[in-house]
C-alpha atoms as a PDB file:
ATOM      1  CA  MET A   1      15.190 -23.243  -3.701  1.00  0.00           C
ATOM      2  CA  HIS A   2      17.248 -24.618  -0.842  1.00  0.00           C
ATOM      3  CA  HIS A   3      14.871 -27.620  -0.677  1.00  0.00           C
ATOM      4  CA  GLN A   4      14.918 -28.257  -4.434  1.00  0.00           C
ATOM      5  CA  PRO A   5      17.924 -26.569  -6.111  1.00  0.00           C
ATOM      6  CA  LEU A   6      16.491 -26.954  -9.589  1.00  0.00           C
ATOM      7  CA  LEU A   7      14.679 -24.718 -12.073  1.00  0.00           C
ATOM      8  CA  VAL A   8      13.192 -25.606 -15.437  1.00  0.00           C
ATOM      9  CA  VAL A   9      12.984 -22.973 -18.170  1.00  0.00           C
ATOM     10  CA  LEU A  10      10.147 -23.309 -20.697  1.00  0.00           C
ATOM     11  CA  ARG A  11       9.888 -21.411 -23.983  1.00  0.00           C
ATOM     12  CA  ALA A  12       6.872 -20.842 -26.243  1.00  0.00           C
ATOM     13  CA  TYR A  13       5.569 -17.733 -27.955  1.00  0.00           C
ATOM     14  CA  ASP A  14       2.073 -18.778 -26.869  1.00  0.00           C
ATOM     15  CA  LEU A  15       2.411 -19.693 -23.189  1.00  0.00           C
ATOM     16  CA  LEU A  16      -0.673 -21.917 -23.245  1.00  0.00           C
ATOM     17  CA  GLU A  17       1.279 -24.336 -25.430  1.00  0.00           C
ATOM     18  CA  LEU A  18       3.275 -25.094 -22.285  1.00  0.00           C
ATOM     19  CA  LEU A  19       0.300 -26.626 -20.460  1.00  0.00           C
ATOM     20  CA  PRO A  20       1.304 -30.276 -21.109  1.00  0.00           C
ATOM     21  CA  CYS A  21       4.882 -29.606 -19.979  1.00  0.00           C
ATOM     22  CA  LEU A  22       3.747 -27.811 -16.841  1.00  0.00           C
ATOM     23  CA  GLU A  23       1.330 -30.611 -15.996  1.00  0.00           C
ATOM     24  CA  ARG A  24       4.115 -33.139 -16.390  1.00  0.00           C
ATOM     25  CA  LEU A  25       6.542 -31.072 -14.299  1.00  0.00           C
ATOM     26  CA  GLN A  26       3.890 -30.714 -11.594  1.00  0.00           C
ATOM     27  CA  GLU A  27       3.396 -34.483 -11.558  1.00  0.00           C
ATOM     28  CA  LEU A  28       7.147 -34.947 -11.141  1.00  0.00           C
ATOM     29  CA  GLY A  29       7.188 -32.505  -8.238  1.00  0.00           C
ATOM     30  CA  VAL A  30       9.243 -29.743  -9.877  1.00  0.00           C
ATOM     31  CA  GLN A  31       8.697 -26.555  -7.876  1.00  0.00           C
ATOM     32  CA  HIS A  32      10.467 -23.755  -9.805  1.00  0.00           C
ATOM     33  CA  VAL A  33       9.629 -23.012 -13.446  1.00  0.00           C
ATOM     34  CA  GLU A  34      10.603 -20.007 -15.552  1.00  0.00           C
ATOM     35  CA  LEU A  35       8.366 -18.914 -18.436  1.00  0.00           C
ATOM     36  CA  ALA A  36      10.359 -17.169 -21.159  1.00  0.00           C
ATOM     37  CA  TRP A  37       9.175 -13.611 -21.758  1.00  0.00           C
ATOM     38  CA  SER A  38       8.036 -12.817 -25.302  1.00  0.00           C
ATOM     39  CA  SER A  39       6.214 -10.045 -27.118  1.00  0.00           C
ATOM     40  CA  HIS A  40       3.008 -12.090 -27.434  1.00  0.00           C
ATOM     41  CA  PRO A  41       0.119  -9.623 -26.941  1.00  0.00           C
ATOM     42  CA  ARG A  42      -1.514 -11.912 -24.355  1.00  0.00           C
ATOM     43  CA  TRP A  43       1.663 -12.911 -22.520  1.00  0.00           C
ATOM     44  CA  VAL A  44       0.576 -11.313 -19.229  1.00  0.00           C
ATOM     45  CA  ALA A  45      -2.940 -12.779 -19.356  1.00  0.00           C
ATOM     46  CA  GLN A  46      -1.581 -16.218 -20.234  1.00  0.00           C
ATOM     47  CA  ALA A  47       1.052 -16.049 -17.491  1.00  0.00           C
ATOM     48  CA  ILE A  48      -1.692 -15.173 -14.990  1.00  0.00           C
ATOM     49  CA  GLU A  49      -3.730 -18.150 -16.168  1.00  0.00           C
ATOM     50  CA  LEU A  50      -0.775 -20.504 -15.760  1.00  0.00           C
ATOM     51  CA  ARG A  51       0.063 -19.054 -12.344  1.00  0.00           C
ATOM     52  CA  GLN A  52      -3.508 -19.722 -11.209  1.00  0.00           C
ATOM     53  CA  ARG A  53      -3.620 -23.219 -12.696  1.00  0.00           C
ATOM     54  CA  PHE A  54      -0.293 -24.193 -11.154  1.00  0.00           C
ATOM     55  CA  ALA A  55      -0.603 -22.433  -7.827  1.00  0.00           C
ATOM     56  CA  HIS A  56       1.710 -24.914  -6.066  1.00  0.00           C
ATOM     57  CA  MET A  57       4.585 -24.100  -8.409  1.00  0.00           C
ATOM     58  CA  ARG A  58       6.788 -21.032  -8.111  1.00  0.00           C
ATOM     59  CA  LEU A  59       6.603 -19.479 -11.567  1.00  0.00           C
ATOM     60  CA  GLY A  60       8.899 -16.722 -12.775  1.00  0.00           C
ATOM     61  CA  ALA A  61       9.820 -14.967 -16.005  1.00  0.00           C
ATOM     62  CA  ALA A  62      12.910 -15.942 -17.985  1.00  0.00           C
ATOM     63  CA  SER A  63      14.946 -14.080 -20.614  1.00  0.00           C
ATOM     64  CA  VAL A  64      13.990 -10.625 -19.309  1.00  0.00           C
ATOM     65  CA  VAL A  65      16.305  -8.088 -20.947  1.00  0.00           C
ATOM     66  CA  ASP A  66      14.188  -4.934 -20.972  1.00  0.00           C
ATOM     67  CA  LEU A  67      11.742  -2.929 -18.894  1.00  0.00           C
ATOM     68  CA  ALA A  68       8.762  -4.280 -20.844  1.00  0.00           C
ATOM     69  CA  GLY A  69       9.594  -7.828 -19.777  1.00  0.00           C
ATOM     70  CA  LEU A  70      10.113  -6.774 -16.187  1.00  0.00           C
ATOM     71  CA  LYS A  71       6.790  -4.928 -16.047  1.00  0.00           C
ATOM     72  CA  ALA A  72       5.032  -7.885 -17.665  1.00  0.00           C
ATOM     73  CA  ALA A  73       6.423 -10.264 -15.034  1.00  0.00           C
ATOM     74  CA  ALA A  74       5.237  -7.945 -12.266  1.00  0.00           C
ATOM     75  CA  ALA A  75       1.808  -7.457 -13.892  1.00  0.00           C
ATOM     76  CA  ALA A  76       1.393 -11.233 -14.146  1.00  0.00           C
ATOM     77  CA  GLY A  77       2.128 -11.615 -10.451  1.00  0.00           C
ATOM     78  CA  LEU A  78       5.104 -13.883 -11.080  1.00  0.00           C
ATOM     79  CA  GLY A  79       7.448 -14.424  -8.173  1.00  0.00           C
ATOM     80  CA  TYR A  80      10.684 -13.476  -9.879  1.00  0.00           C
ATOM     81  CA  ALA A  81      12.346 -12.475 -13.140  1.00  0.00           C
ATOM     82  CA  VAL A  82      15.606 -13.874 -14.520  1.00  0.00           C
ATOM     83  CA  SER A  83      17.868 -12.235 -17.074  1.00  0.00           C
ATOM     84  CA  PRO A  84      20.879 -13.410 -19.086  1.00  0.00           C
ATOM     85  CA  VAL A  85      22.471  -9.974 -18.598  1.00  0.00           C
ATOM     86  CA  LEU A  86      23.584  -7.645 -15.808  1.00  0.00           C
ATOM     87  CA  ASP A  87      21.772  -4.308 -16.192  1.00  0.00           C
ATOM     88  CA  ARG A  88      21.693  -1.833 -13.315  1.00  0.00           C
ATOM     89  CA  GLY A  89      18.576  -0.136 -14.702  1.00  0.00           C
ATOM     90  CA  LEU A  90      16.673  -3.426 -14.604  1.00  0.00           C
ATOM     91  CA  ILE A  91      17.889  -4.140 -11.068  1.00  0.00           C
ATOM     92  CA  GLU A  92      16.662  -0.753  -9.861  1.00  0.00           C
ATOM     93  CA  ALA A  93      13.360  -1.086 -11.727  1.00  0.00           C
ATOM     94  CA  ALA A  94      12.782  -4.529 -10.203  1.00  0.00           C
ATOM     95  CA  MET A  95      13.409  -3.116  -6.738  1.00  0.00           C
ATOM     96  CA  ALA A  96      10.851  -0.380  -7.406  1.00  0.00           C
ATOM     97  CA  LEU A  97       8.367  -3.037  -8.545  1.00  0.00           C
ATOM     98  CA  ARG A  98       9.201  -5.220  -5.517  1.00  0.00           C
ATOM     99  CA  LEU A  99      10.033  -8.068  -7.857  1.00  0.00           C
ATOM    100  CA  GLN A 100      12.856 -10.531  -7.148  1.00  0.00           C
ATOM    101  CA  PHE A 101      15.341 -10.085  -9.997  1.00  0.00           C
ATOM    102  CA  VAL A 102      18.131 -12.501 -10.899  1.00  0.00           C
ATOM    103  CA  PRO A 103      20.702 -10.974 -13.274  1.00  0.00           C
ATOM    104  CA  GLY A 104      23.018 -12.960 -15.498  1.00  0.00           C
ATOM    105  CA  VAL A 105      26.736 -12.852 -14.735  1.00  0.00           C
ATOM    106  CA  MET A 106      29.798 -14.361 -16.336  1.00  0.00           C
ATOM    107  CA  SER A 107      32.942 -12.451 -15.403  1.00  0.00           C
ATOM    108  CA  PRO A 108      34.347 -11.774 -11.918  1.00  0.00           C
ATOM    109  CA  SER A 109      33.607  -8.068 -12.489  1.00  0.00           C
ATOM    110  CA  GLU A 110      29.937  -8.813 -13.188  1.00  0.00           C
ATOM    111  CA  VAL A 111      29.660 -10.955 -10.053  1.00  0.00           C
ATOM    112  CA  HIS A 112      31.218  -8.138  -8.041  1.00  0.00           C
ATOM    113  CA  LEU A 113      28.906  -5.491  -9.524  1.00  0.00           C
ATOM    114  CA  ALA A 114      25.805  -7.625  -9.012  1.00  0.00           C
ATOM    115  CA  ARG A 115      26.697  -7.953  -5.353  1.00  0.00           C
ATOM    116  CA  LEU A 116      27.399  -4.209  -5.010  1.00  0.00           C
ATOM    117  CA  TRP A 117      24.043  -3.427  -6.644  1.00  0.00           C
ATOM    118  CA  GLY A 118      22.144  -5.496  -4.095  1.00  0.00           C
ATOM    119  CA  CYS A 119      21.539  -8.807  -5.900  1.00  0.00           C
ATOM    120  CA  PRO A 120      21.539 -11.751  -3.458  1.00  0.00           C
ATOM    121  CA  ILE A 121      20.992 -14.238  -6.322  1.00  0.00           C
ATOM    122  CA  VAL A 122      22.759 -14.389  -9.695  1.00  0.00           C
ATOM    123  CA  LYS A 123      22.529 -16.570 -12.778  1.00  0.00           C
ATOM    124  CA  LEU A 124      25.884 -17.901 -14.029  1.00  0.00           C
ATOM    125  CA  PHE A 125      25.447 -17.874 -17.794  1.00  0.00           C
ATOM    126  CA  PRO A 126      26.374 -19.603 -20.057  1.00  0.00           C
ATOM    127  CA  ALA A 127      27.450 -22.144 -17.480  1.00  0.00           C
ATOM    128  CA  ALA A 128      28.397 -25.009 -19.781  1.00  0.00           C
ATOM    129  CA  ALA A 129      30.964 -22.842 -21.558  1.00  0.00           C
ATOM    130  CA  LEU A 130      32.589 -21.930 -18.230  1.00  0.00           C
ATOM    131  CA  GLY A 131      32.845 -25.397 -16.709  1.00  0.00           C
ATOM    132  CA  ARG A 132      31.477 -26.651 -13.429  1.00  0.00           C
ATOM    133  CA  PHE A 133      34.473 -25.581 -11.316  1.00  0.00           C
ATOM    134  CA  TYR A 134      34.386 -21.963 -12.491  1.00  0.00           C
ATOM    135  CA  TRP A 135      32.192 -20.695  -9.639  1.00  0.00           C
ATOM    136  CA  GLN A 136      34.336 -22.466  -7.060  1.00  0.00           C
ATOM    137  CA  ARG A 137      37.435 -20.720  -8.454  1.00  0.00           C
ATOM    138  CA  LEU A 138      35.796 -17.335  -7.824  1.00  0.00           C
ATOM    139  CA  ALA A 139      35.151 -18.086  -4.153  1.00  0.00           C
ATOM    140  CA  ALA A 140      38.544 -17.152  -2.688  1.00  0.00           C
ATOM    141  CA  PRO A 141      39.260 -13.959  -4.647  1.00  0.00           C
ATOM    142  CA  LEU A 142      35.673 -12.656  -4.553  1.00  0.00           C
ATOM    143  CA  ALA A 143      34.314 -13.966  -1.262  1.00  0.00           C
ATOM    144  CA  GLY A 144      34.659 -10.766   0.784  1.00  0.00           C
ATOM    145  CA  ALA A 145      32.786 -10.318   4.051  1.00  0.00           C
ATOM    146  CA  ASP A 146      29.463 -11.565   2.705  1.00  0.00           C
ATOM    147  CA  GLY A 147      30.694 -14.374   0.451  1.00  0.00           C
ATOM    148  CA  LEU A 148      29.500 -15.006  -3.069  1.00  0.00           C
ATOM    149  CA  PRO A 149      25.830 -14.530  -3.959  1.00  0.00           C
ATOM    150  CA  PHE A 150      23.487 -17.502  -4.318  1.00  0.00           C
ATOM    151  CA  CYS A 151      24.338 -18.919  -7.754  1.00  0.00           C
ATOM    152  CA  ILE A 152      22.022 -20.542 -10.311  1.00  0.00           C
ATOM    153  CA  ALA A 153      24.056 -22.185 -13.088  1.00  0.00           C
ATOM    154  CA  ALA A 154      22.253 -22.014 -16.441  1.00  0.00           C
ATOM    155  CA  GLY A 155      22.950 -22.476 -20.119  1.00  0.00           C
ATOM    156  CA  GLY A 156      23.657 -25.768 -21.848  1.00  0.00           C
ATOM    157  CA  LEU A 157      23.104 -28.040 -18.832  1.00  0.00           C
ATOM    158  CA  GLY A 158      21.010 -31.207 -18.696  1.00  0.00           C
ATOM    159  CA  PRO A 159      19.617 -33.415 -15.912  1.00  0.00           C
ATOM    160  CA  ALA A 160      22.880 -35.370 -15.656  1.00  0.00           C
ATOM    161  CA  ASP A 161      24.774 -32.148 -14.915  1.00  0.00           C
ATOM    162  CA  VAL A 162      22.719 -31.037 -11.911  1.00  0.00           C
ATOM    163  CA  GLU A 163      24.303 -33.084  -9.134  1.00  0.00           C
ATOM    164  CA  PRO A 164      27.933 -32.658 -10.312  1.00  0.00           C
ATOM    165  CA  TRP A 165      27.438 -28.883 -10.583  1.00  0.00           C
ATOM    166  CA  LEU A 166      25.860 -28.719  -7.129  1.00  0.00           C
ATOM    167  CA  ALA A 167      28.766 -30.728  -5.741  1.00  0.00           C
ATOM    168  CA  ALA A 168      31.159 -28.276  -7.427  1.00  0.00           C
ATOM    169  CA  GLY A 169      29.744 -25.337  -5.499  1.00  0.00           C
ATOM    170  CA  VAL A 170      26.796 -23.724  -7.292  1.00  0.00           C
ATOM    171  CA  ASP A 171      23.571 -23.414  -5.310  1.00  0.00           C
ATOM    172  CA  ALA A 172      21.039 -24.408  -7.985  1.00  0.00           C
ATOM    173  CA  VAL A 173      20.885 -25.428 -11.654  1.00  0.00           C
ATOM    174  CA  ALA A 174      18.471 -24.323 -14.385  1.00  0.00           C
ATOM    175  CA  LEU A 175      17.537 -26.690 -17.198  1.00  0.00           C
ATOM    176  CA  GLY A 176      16.182 -25.342 -20.467  1.00  0.00           C
ATOM    177  CA  GLY A 177      16.401 -26.831 -23.930  1.00  0.00           C
ATOM    178  CA  SER A 178      17.725 -30.150 -22.636  1.00  0.00           C
ATOM    179  CA  LEU A 179      14.235 -31.637 -22.088  1.00  0.00           C
ATOM    180  CA  VAL A 180      13.556 -32.679 -25.662  1.00  0.00           C
ATOM    181  CA  ASN A 181      13.063 -36.449 -25.626  1.00  0.00           C
ATOM    182  CA  PRO A 182      11.617 -39.156 -23.336  1.00  0.00           C
ATOM    183  CA  ALA A 183      15.055 -40.081 -21.952  1.00  0.00           C
ATOM    184  CA  ASP A 184      15.554 -36.507 -20.741  1.00  0.00           C
ATOM    185  CA  TRP A 185      12.221 -36.562 -18.925  1.00  0.00           C
ATOM    186  CA  GLU A 186      13.028 -39.938 -17.366  1.00  0.00           C
ATOM    187  CA  ALA A 187      16.366 -38.550 -16.179  1.00  0.00           C
ATOM    188  CA  LEU A 188      14.591 -35.507 -14.748  1.00  0.00           C
ATOM    189  CA  ALA A 189      12.105 -37.708 -12.880  1.00  0.00           C
ATOM    190  CA  ARG A 190      14.951 -39.702 -11.299  1.00  0.00           C
ATOM    191  CA  LEU A 191      16.786 -36.487 -10.448  1.00  0.00           C
ATOM    192  CA  VAL A 192      13.773 -34.933  -8.710  1.00  0.00           C
ATOM    193  CA  GLU A 193      13.331 -38.114  -6.704  1.00  0.00           C
ATOM    194  CA  ARG A 194      16.977 -38.065  -5.608  1.00  0.00           C
ATOM    195  CA  LEU A 195      16.774 -34.404  -4.627  1.00  0.00           C
ATOM    196  CA  ARG A 196      13.896 -35.247  -2.296  1.00  0.00           C
ATOM    197  CA  THR A 197      16.162 -37.436  -0.144  1.00  0.00           C
END
């Protein structure tokens, strides 16, 4: 993620509906994509199929809030799981499964606990409600010996927000529901090109 500090989150109950989006993201050169976890009975099988079809992308699971979602991500062979919440049980279960887990944090206390519980990466959520300088304001009081964890800002951000948020101190930005019309995709294509340089 240091080479391309960008993730795209895709949502569909039936993951195979995401094929056109994934093909387009692959063409653009997007490397990190999260597939939202759902209770679809074939979610694991479909995630495996997408992982095999898009072997050059780093696919993970999004919106994991329970053990079922975590186990599904591991069973599908996905590289990581991302949650909107901080749950110590999920962190410990992910460690047992040897699955990279990214918990959601919002408050200084949650950032501190995530670090204490061994999370090198956190998801700042909902980022748009907090403002782009929020993470930077936590740096001095929370830095400690090891500094703040790697931060992915997510929630309510679009392609135009990525570079300003990176400049304000977060390490990566996740885009979700903002890719809804052709202008958004054009902005994403320009963004990916700029991030290459």
